Structures are given as structure tokens and as C-alpha cells.
Protein backbone atom coordinates (compact mmCIF):
# COMPACT_ATOMS: atom_id res chain seq x y z
CA LYS A 1 -151.85 126.56 264.41
CA TYR A 2 -149.54 129.34 265.47
CA THR A 3 -149.94 131.43 268.60
CA LYS A 4 -151.94 134.64 268.20
CA GLY A 5 -149.51 136.53 270.41
CA GLY A 6 -146.58 135.29 268.36
CA LYS A 7 -148.11 136.57 265.13
CA SER A 8 -148.90 139.91 266.76
CA SER A 9 -145.40 140.18 268.20
CA THR A 10 -143.85 139.49 264.79
CA LEU A 11 -146.07 142.09 263.10
CA ILE A 12 -145.14 144.65 265.77
CA ALA A 13 -141.44 143.92 265.17
CA ILE A 14 -141.88 144.44 261.42
CA GLU A 15 -143.72 147.71 262.06
CA SER A 16 -141.02 148.93 264.45
CA LEU A 17 -138.31 148.08 261.94
CA LEU A 18 -140.15 149.92 259.16
CA VAL A 19 -140.54 153.01 261.37
CA ILE A 20 -136.80 152.98 262.13
CA ILE A 21 -136.01 152.66 258.41
CA LEU A 22 -138.37 155.57 257.72
CA ALA A 23 -136.66 157.67 260.42
CA ILE A 24 -133.24 156.92 258.91
CA ALA A 25 -134.49 157.77 255.41
CA ILE A 26 -135.92 161.10 256.62
CA SER A 27 -132.69 161.92 258.42
CA VAL A 28 -130.60 161.16 255.34
CA ALA A 29 -132.96 163.11 253.05
CA MET A 30 -132.76 166.16 255.34
CA LYS A 31 -128.97 165.78 255.65
CA GLY A 32 -129.07 165.21 259.41
CA LYS A 33 -131.28 168.20 260.22
CA ALA A 34 -134.58 166.35 260.74
CA GLY A 35 -134.75 167.35 264.38
CA ILE A 36 -137.45 166.14 266.72
CA TYR A 37 -139.46 164.31 264.06
CA VAL A 38 -136.91 161.54 263.70
CA GLY A 39 -136.54 161.37 267.47
CA LEU A 40 -140.29 160.94 267.93
CA LEU A 41 -140.43 158.23 265.26
CA THR A 42 -137.59 156.38 266.95
CA LEU A 43 -139.24 156.79 270.36
CA PHE A 44 -142.43 155.33 268.88
CA ALA A 45 -140.47 152.34 267.54
CA PHE A 46 -138.80 151.93 270.95
CA ILE A 47 -142.13 151.86 272.80
CA THR A 48 -143.83 149.55 270.31
CA SER A 49 -140.90 147.12 270.45
CA ILE A 50 -141.32 146.95 274.24
CA ALA A 51 -145.03 146.20 273.73
CA GLY A 52 -144.19 143.56 271.11
CA PHE A 53 -141.69 141.95 273.46
CA ILE A 54 -144.31 141.76 276.23
CA VAL A 55 -146.88 140.28 273.83
CA GLY A 56 -144.29 137.75 272.67
CA ILE A 57 -143.38 136.72 276.22
CA ASN A 58 -147.06 136.30 277.11
CA SER A 59 -147.67 134.15 274.02
CA PHE A 60 -145.34 131.46 275.42
CA LYS A 61 -148.22 130.57 277.77
CA GLU A 62 -150.44 129.38 274.89
CA GLU A 63 -150.43 125.58 274.80
CA ASN A 64 -150.57 123.04 271.96
CA LYS A 65 -149.54 125.58 269.32
CA PHE A 66 -146.50 126.14 267.14
CA MET A 67 -144.12 128.69 268.63
CA MET A 68 -142.14 129.78 265.55
CA TYR A 69 -143.65 133.29 265.37
CA THR A 70 -143.42 133.61 269.13
CA TYR A 71 -139.65 133.13 269.00
CA ILE A 72 -139.21 135.35 265.93
CA GLY A 73 -141.32 138.19 267.33
CA THR A 74 -139.88 138.11 270.83
CA ILE A 75 -136.26 138.01 269.66
CA ALA A 76 -136.79 140.63 266.93
CA ASN A 77 -138.46 143.04 269.35
CA ALA A 78 -135.69 142.54 271.90
CA VAL A 79 -133.03 143.22 269.25
CA ILE A 80 -134.85 146.36 268.04
CA TRP A 81 -135.27 147.59 271.61
CA LEU A 82 -131.60 147.00 272.42
CA GLY A 83 -130.54 148.60 269.12
CA VAL A 84 -132.49 151.80 269.75
CA LEU A 85 -131.29 151.89 273.36
CA GLY A 86 -127.71 151.38 272.16
CA MET A 87 -128.02 154.23 269.63
CA TYR A 88 -129.30 156.49 272.35
CA LEU A 89 -126.55 155.55 274.79
CA ILE A 90 -123.82 155.98 272.19
CA TYR A 91 -124.92 159.49 271.26
CA ILE A 92 -125.54 160.89 274.75
């Protein structure tokens, strides 16, 4: 059996990634004039990736379970979080 937190963390990472892809698609469709809507979507992805990272870290405490999804979810959420933070810092 896999950890429940690991599965949740992985699903949160997938959701965050899909929201970022949606924000990029909206920005491209509106030729860069999407305004606050894209910013709010990206902020939502940023916050949910933090939550997914915390869930992933806490799922390491579950014993006698497979940790594959725990590693995938935790690392994916950390990469998404750092990516969004990096985009923000680059464009300040």
C-alpha cells in the first residue's frame, strides 16, 4: 500500500501544474494582457504547492508503506513552488 499523504501530495502537484498551464494558456491567448487573473491563478498554484509539500513531508511519518508517491509529490511540489518563486523574482 502507498501512503495516503503521498497520493494526496502527488494529486496536489498535478493540480498545481495544470493551473500553471492554464494561466500560461490564458496569457498567450490574451497576448500578454490577461492582468490580475493570471496572477491570481499562479498565486493559487503557489499556495497549493506549499500545502502539497507540507502534506508530502508529513507522509514520510507513515510506516510500513511504499513511499514512491511521497517522493514524487514532495519533489514535484517543491519544484513547482521554486519555479513560481523564480518567475516572480525574475520579473520584479
